[in-house]
N, C-alpha and C. Protein backbone atom coordinates (compact mmCIF):
# COMPACT_ATOMS: atom_id res chain seq x y z
N MET A 1 6.71 -11.41 5.18
CA MET A 1 6.60 -9.99 4.51
C MET A 1 7.55 -9.61 3.64
N GLY A 2 7.40 -9.10 2.43
CA GLY A 2 8.27 -8.56 1.49
C GLY A 2 9.11 -7.60 1.99
N LYS A 3 10.29 -7.54 1.49
CA LYS A 3 10.96 -6.24 2.09
C LYS A 3 11.51 -5.41 0.77
N LEU A 4 11.20 -4.06 1.17
CA LEU A 4 11.99 -2.76 0.67
C LEU A 4 12.92 -2.85 0.16
N GLU A 5 13.87 -2.38 -0.93
CA GLU A 5 15.07 -2.30 -1.28
C GLU A 5 15.47 -1.13 -0.43
N LYS A 6 16.88 -1.21 0.41
CA LYS A 6 18.04 -0.24 1.00
C LYS A 6 17.58 0.72 0.12
N LYS A 7 17.75 0.31 -1.07
CA LYS A 7 18.45 1.88 -2.18
C LYS A 7 16.92 2.65 -2.13
N PHE A 8 15.82 2.18 -2.65
CA PHE A 8 14.60 2.80 -1.98
C PHE A 8 14.25 3.37 -1.43
N ILE A 9 14.57 3.00 0.06
CA ILE A 9 14.28 3.57 1.23
C ILE A 9 15.21 4.90 1.46
N ASP A 10 16.81 4.70 0.94
CA ASP A 10 17.31 5.76 0.74
C ASP A 10 17.15 7.00 0.19
N GLU A 11 16.47 6.25 -1.11
CA GLU A 11 15.79 7.75 -2.09
C GLU A 11 14.66 8.33 -1.60
N LEU A 12 13.86 7.80 -0.81
CA LEU A 12 12.69 8.66 0.12
C LEU A 12 13.17 9.53 1.02
N GLN A 13 14.10 8.81 1.52
CA GLN A 13 14.71 9.55 2.76
C GLN A 13 15.72 11.05 2.10
N GLN A 14 16.13 10.77 1.28
CA GLN A 14 17.08 11.97 0.33
C GLN A 14 15.98 13.19 -0.01
N ARG A 15 14.63 12.75 -0.66
CA ARG A 15 13.44 13.41 -0.71
C ARG A 15 12.75 14.43 0.43
N GLY A 16 13.49 14.00 1.57
CA GLY A 16 12.71 14.71 2.70
C GLY A 16 11.50 13.38 3.23
N ALA A 17 11.55 12.40 2.86
CA ALA A 17 10.56 11.66 3.47
C ALA A 17 10.79 11.04 4.97
N ALA A 18 9.84 10.97 6.01
CA ALA A 18 10.25 10.15 7.05
C ALA A 18 9.58 8.85 6.92
N VAL A 19 10.83 8.29 7.04
CA VAL A 19 10.17 6.56 6.91
C VAL A 19 10.40 6.07 7.75
N SER A 20 9.53 5.05 8.02
CA SER A 20 9.60 4.12 9.49
C SER A 20 9.15 2.73 8.92
N THR A 21 9.81 1.43 9.32
CA THR A 21 9.38 0.56 8.98
C THR A 21 8.25 -0.25 10.07
N ARG A 22 7.22 0.59 10.77
CA ARG A 22 6.04 0.28 11.50
C ARG A 22 5.10 1.57 11.40
N THR A 23 3.99 1.03 11.08
CA THR A 23 3.10 2.30 10.83
C THR A 23 2.84 2.94 11.77
N ARG A 24 2.43 4.19 11.42
CA ARG A 24 2.06 5.52 12.11
C ARG A 24 0.67 5.71 11.95
N ARG A 25 0.00 6.53 12.61
CA ARG A 25 -1.05 6.91 12.77
C ARG A 25 -1.07 8.14 11.26
N GLU A 26 -2.07 8.29 10.66
CA GLU A 26 -2.07 9.49 9.45
C GLU A 26 -1.05 9.11 8.95
N SER A 27 -0.77 8.35 8.41
CA SER A 27 0.21 8.12 7.13
C SER A 27 -0.20 8.87 5.61
N ASP A 28 0.57 9.30 5.34
CA ASP A 28 0.30 10.03 4.34
C ASP A 28 0.53 8.78 3.01
N ILE A 29 1.60 8.12 2.87
CA ILE A 29 1.94 6.97 1.98
C ILE A 29 2.06 5.88 2.64
N ILE A 30 1.67 4.45 2.49
CA ILE A 30 2.56 3.40 2.97
C ILE A 30 2.76 2.63 1.95
N PHE A 31 4.21 1.87 1.93
CA PHE A 31 4.53 1.14 1.05
C PHE A 31 4.33 -0.34 1.41
N LEU A 32 3.81 -1.59 1.13
CA LEU A 32 3.48 -2.63 1.39
C LEU A 32 3.92 -3.51 0.71
N ALA A 33 4.84 -4.30 0.87
CA ALA A 33 5.39 -5.18 -0.26
C ALA A 33 5.24 -6.55 0.39
N ILE A 34 4.24 -7.10 -0.70
CA ILE A 34 4.02 -8.73 -0.31
C ILE A 34 4.79 -9.46 -1.43
N GLU A 35 4.61 -10.87 -0.99
CA GLU A 35 5.32 -11.92 -1.83
C GLU A 35 3.86 -12.97 -1.92
N SER A 36 2.46 -12.74 -1.21
CA SER A 36 1.65 -14.05 -1.43
C SER A 36 -0.32 -13.37 -1.05
N ARG A 37 -0.71 -13.79 -1.48
CA ARG A 37 -2.11 -13.52 -1.23
C ARG A 37 -2.25 -13.47 0.28
N LYS A 38 -1.76 -14.37 0.86
CA LYS A 38 -1.92 -14.63 2.16
C LYS A 38 -1.57 -13.13 2.96
N GLN A 39 -0.92 -12.86 2.38
CA GLN A 39 -0.23 -11.37 2.95
C GLN A 39 -1.09 -10.22 2.90
N LEU A 40 -1.98 -10.11 2.04
CA LEU A 40 -2.97 -8.99 1.78
C LEU A 40 -4.11 -9.08 2.93
N ASP A 41 -4.12 -10.00 4.12
CA ASP A 41 -4.81 -9.99 5.13
C ASP A 41 -4.09 -8.57 5.78
N ARG A 42 -3.21 -7.98 5.69
CA ARG A 42 -2.52 -6.84 6.59
C ARG A 42 -3.49 -5.37 6.18
N LEU A 43 -3.87 -5.67 4.77
CA LEU A 43 -4.60 -4.50 4.58
C LEU A 43 -5.58 -3.94 5.32
N VAL A 44 -6.11 -4.59 6.24
CA VAL A 44 -7.26 -4.10 7.22
C VAL A 44 -7.12 -3.31 7.78
N GLY A 45 -5.65 -3.75 9.01
CA GLY A 45 -4.89 -2.91 9.88
C GLY A 45 -4.30 -1.86 9.25
N ILE A 46 -3.47 -2.11 8.42
CA ILE A 46 -3.00 -0.55 7.80
C ILE A 46 -3.61 0.50 7.15
N ARG A 47 -5.12 -0.12 6.73
CA ARG A 47 -5.84 1.03 6.39
C ARG A 47 -6.30 1.86 7.58
N GLU A 48 -5.75 1.34 8.74
CA GLU A 48 -6.64 2.42 10.24
C GLU A 48 -5.35 3.02 10.15
N SER A 49 -4.06 2.68 9.52
CA SER A 49 -3.36 3.88 9.97
C SER A 49 -2.82 5.25 8.69
N LEU A 50 -3.43 4.91 7.81
CA LEU A 50 -3.81 5.89 6.77
C LEU A 50 -4.42 7.14 6.84
N ALA A 51 -3.90 8.06 6.30
CA ALA A 51 -4.73 9.49 6.75
C ALA A 51 -5.49 9.40 5.49
N ALA A 52 -6.99 9.90 5.58
CA ALA A 52 -8.16 9.91 5.27
C ALA A 52 -7.86 9.98 3.67
N ASP A 53 -7.14 11.08 3.22
CA ASP A 53 -6.42 11.05 2.09
C ASP A 53 -5.39 10.42 1.24
N GLY A 54 -4.37 9.63 1.86
CA GLY A 54 -3.47 8.83 1.84
C GLY A 54 -3.54 7.60 0.98
N ALA A 55 -2.45 6.96 0.41
CA ALA A 55 -2.59 6.17 -0.16
C ALA A 55 -1.62 4.89 0.47
N ILE A 56 -1.82 3.87 -0.20
CA ILE A 56 -1.52 2.39 0.09
C ILE A 56 -0.88 2.11 -1.48
N TRP A 57 0.51 1.87 -1.53
CA TRP A 57 1.08 1.28 -2.44
C TRP A 57 1.54 -0.38 -2.10
N VAL A 58 0.71 -1.34 -2.80
CA VAL A 58 1.31 -2.50 -2.71
C VAL A 58 2.08 -3.25 -3.78
N ILE A 59 3.41 -3.82 -3.36
CA ILE A 59 4.34 -3.80 -4.18
C ILE A 59 4.15 -5.40 -4.05
N ARG A 60 4.25 -6.01 -5.60
CA ARG A 60 4.31 -7.65 -5.67
C ARG A 60 5.17 -7.59 -6.78
N PRO A 61 5.89 -9.05 -6.56
CA PRO A 61 6.48 -9.35 -7.80
C PRO A 61 5.28 -9.86 -9.15
N LYS A 62 6.05 -8.85 -10.68
CA LYS A 62 5.41 -9.76 -11.71
C LYS A 62 5.60 -10.65 -12.22
N GLY A 63 4.25 -11.23 -12.55
CA GLY A 63 4.00 -12.34 -13.25
C GLY A 63 3.82 -13.60 -12.53
N SER A 64 3.80 -13.51 -10.90
CA SER A 64 4.18 -14.36 -9.87
C SER A 64 2.53 -15.05 -9.83
N ASP A 65 2.41 -16.74 -9.83
CA ASP A 65 1.31 -17.19 -9.81
C ASP A 65 0.88 -17.20 -8.05
N ALA A 66 1.80 -16.57 -6.93
CA ALA A 66 1.62 -16.59 -5.59
C ALA A 66 0.82 -15.28 -5.74
N ILE A 67 0.56 -14.21 -6.24
CA ILE A 67 -0.37 -12.92 -6.31
C ILE A 67 -0.50 -12.49 -7.55
N SER A 68 -1.72 -12.11 -7.95
CA SER A 68 -2.05 -11.30 -9.07
C SER A 68 -2.46 -10.17 -8.82
N GLU A 69 -2.67 -8.97 -9.75
CA GLU A 69 -3.59 -7.80 -9.59
C GLU A 69 -4.86 -8.00 -8.95
N ARG A 70 -5.51 -8.78 -9.51
CA ARG A 70 -7.06 -9.36 -9.49
C ARG A 70 -6.67 -9.51 -7.92
N ASP A 71 -6.11 -10.63 -7.48
CA ASP A 71 -6.07 -10.77 -5.64
C ASP A 71 -5.83 -9.35 -4.78
N VAL A 72 -5.07 -8.30 -5.79
CA VAL A 72 -4.75 -7.22 -4.93
C VAL A 72 -5.99 -6.23 -4.89
N MET A 73 -6.67 -6.43 -6.00
CA MET A 73 -7.93 -5.58 -6.03
C MET A 73 -9.07 -5.96 -5.40
N ALA A 74 -9.39 -7.31 -5.25
CA ALA A 74 -10.60 -8.25 -4.10
C ALA A 74 -10.06 -7.55 -2.71
N ALA A 75 -8.72 -7.99 -2.67
CA ALA A 75 -8.54 -7.69 -1.00
C ALA A 75 -8.85 -6.02 -0.72
N ALA A 76 -8.27 -5.29 -1.65
CA ALA A 76 -8.79 -3.91 -1.26
C ALA A 76 -10.46 -3.82 -1.41
N LYS A 77 -10.89 -4.16 -2.00
CA LYS A 77 -12.36 -3.95 -1.85
C LYS A 77 -12.90 -4.36 -0.55
N GLU A 78 -12.21 -5.62 -0.14
CA GLU A 78 -12.87 -6.19 1.32
C GLU A 78 -12.22 -5.25 2.08
N SER A 79 -11.12 -4.84 2.30
CA SER A 79 -10.74 -3.79 2.99
C SER A 79 -10.87 -2.03 3.35
N GLY A 80 -12.46 -1.90 2.27
CA GLY A 80 -12.96 -0.52 1.90
C GLY A 80 -11.83 0.11 1.24
N LEU A 81 -10.84 -0.25 0.62
CA LEU A 81 -9.89 0.69 -0.36
C LEU A 81 -10.58 0.33 -1.61
N VAL A 82 -10.24 1.33 -2.56
CA VAL A 82 -10.14 1.31 -4.22
C VAL A 82 -8.86 1.57 -4.79
N ASP A 83 -8.66 0.53 -5.76
CA ASP A 83 -7.69 1.16 -6.63
C ASP A 83 -7.79 2.12 -7.65
N VAL A 84 -6.52 2.70 -7.60
CA VAL A 84 -6.49 4.04 -8.49
C VAL A 84 -5.31 3.45 -9.74
N LYS A 85 -4.47 2.98 -9.48
CA LYS A 85 -3.50 2.94 -10.60
C LYS A 85 -2.64 1.83 -9.97
N VAL A 86 -2.13 1.56 -11.47
CA VAL A 86 -1.30 0.27 -11.55
C VAL A 86 0.08 0.78 -12.19
N ALA A 87 1.35 0.63 -11.46
CA ALA A 87 2.25 1.09 -11.82
C ALA A 87 3.87 0.17 -11.87
N ARG A 88 4.62 0.31 -13.27
CA ARG A 88 5.73 -0.40 -12.90
C ARG A 88 6.44 0.24 -11.90
N PHE A 89 7.26 -0.77 -10.79
CA PHE A 89 7.92 -0.35 -9.77
C PHE A 89 8.90 -0.71 -10.05
N SER A 90 9.43 -1.59 -10.43
CA SER A 90 10.86 -1.99 -11.01
C SER A 90 10.92 -3.37 -12.35
N ALA A 91 11.92 -3.68 -12.41
CA ALA A 91 11.73 -4.49 -13.79
C ALA A 91 11.03 -5.85 -13.39
N THR A 92 11.54 -6.11 -11.85
CA THR A 92 10.37 -7.20 -11.49
C THR A 92 9.25 -7.32 -10.66
N HIS A 93 8.80 -5.96 -10.38
CA HIS A 93 7.58 -5.94 -9.64
C HIS A 93 7.05 -4.62 -9.71
N THR A 94 5.72 -5.18 -9.52
CA THR A 94 4.83 -4.21 -9.63
C THR A 94 4.00 -3.11 -8.49
N ALA A 95 3.02 -2.27 -8.53
CA ALA A 95 2.73 -1.63 -7.77
C ALA A 95 1.14 -1.35 -7.92
N GLU A 96 0.23 -1.43 -6.96
CA GLU A 96 -1.19 -0.83 -7.06
C GLU A 96 -1.08 0.41 -5.84
N LYS A 97 -2.10 1.39 -6.46
CA LYS A 97 -2.19 2.24 -5.85
C LYS A 97 -3.68 2.42 -5.19
N LEU A 98 -3.76 2.23 -3.95
CA LEU A 98 -5.15 1.96 -3.20
C LEU A 98 -5.37 3.04 -2.10
N VAL A 99 -6.58 3.90 -1.95
CA VAL A 99 -7.27 4.66 -1.61
C VAL A 99 -8.45 4.20 -0.88
N ILE A 100 -8.82 5.19 0.35
CA ILE A 100 -9.54 5.12 1.13
C ILE A 100 -11.07 5.46 -0.15
N ARG A 101 -12.05 5.03 -0.33
CA ARG A 101 -13.21 5.71 -1.18
C ARG A 101 -13.75 7.09 -0.67
N VAL A 102 -13.90 7.46 -1.76
CA VAL A 102 -13.83 9.49 -1.46
C VAL A 102 -15.27 9.44 -0.51
N ASN A 103 -16.26 8.28 -0.77
CA ASN A 103 -17.56 8.76 0.27
C ASN A 103 -17.32 7.97 1.65
N ASP A 104 -16.05 7.13 2.04
CA ASP A 104 -15.61 6.93 3.42
C ASP A 104 -14.78 7.86 4.12
N ARG A 105 -14.06 8.85 3.48
CA ARG A 105 -13.05 9.48 4.05
C ARG A 105 -13.96 10.73 5.10
N ASP A 106 -15.03 10.55 5.01
CA ASP A 106 -15.51 11.79 6.51
C ASP A 106 -16.04 11.20 7.34
N THR A 107 -15.82 9.60 7.33
CA THR A 107 -15.86 8.98 8.59
C THR A 107 -14.73 8.39 9.15
N HIS A 108 -14.03 8.10 8.37
CA HIS A 108 -12.76 7.72 8.62
C HIS A 108 -11.72 8.22 9.87
N PRO A 109 -11.67 7.29 10.96
CA PRO A 109 -10.66 8.19 12.18
C PRO A 109 -9.59 8.95 12.03
N ASN A 110 -8.93 9.12 10.68
CA ASN A 110 -7.90 10.00 10.36
C ASN A 110 -8.24 10.79 9.47
N ARG A 111 -9.18 11.55 9.64
CA ARG A 111 -9.96 12.62 8.28
C ARG A 111 -9.29 13.67 8.28
N GLY A 112 -8.17 13.83 9.56
CA GLY A 112 -7.68 15.13 9.62
C GLY A 112 -8.53 16.14 9.72
């Protein structure tokens, strides 16, 4: 699996975020660093740790043949997620924001 840079994690913690390398129930935000299509299989399990109104940011290399925006969006749909934003994460990486569909939030185990 890809790994988030220490500088990014430090910045999150400086802003008061409780950062963990393991998924926790009812997480508000989950950052998933990936390098290939195969790693998108993790979305199904990670979705279960997400708060009903939370978000998963999939961070991937820009312009890579190993993973594309289309791959992320297809995997999101299969996992019961929807893409709502694409953003520049760094000079070398991009990020897609995925959330649980609004209609599915009432039945999500972590609906708050």
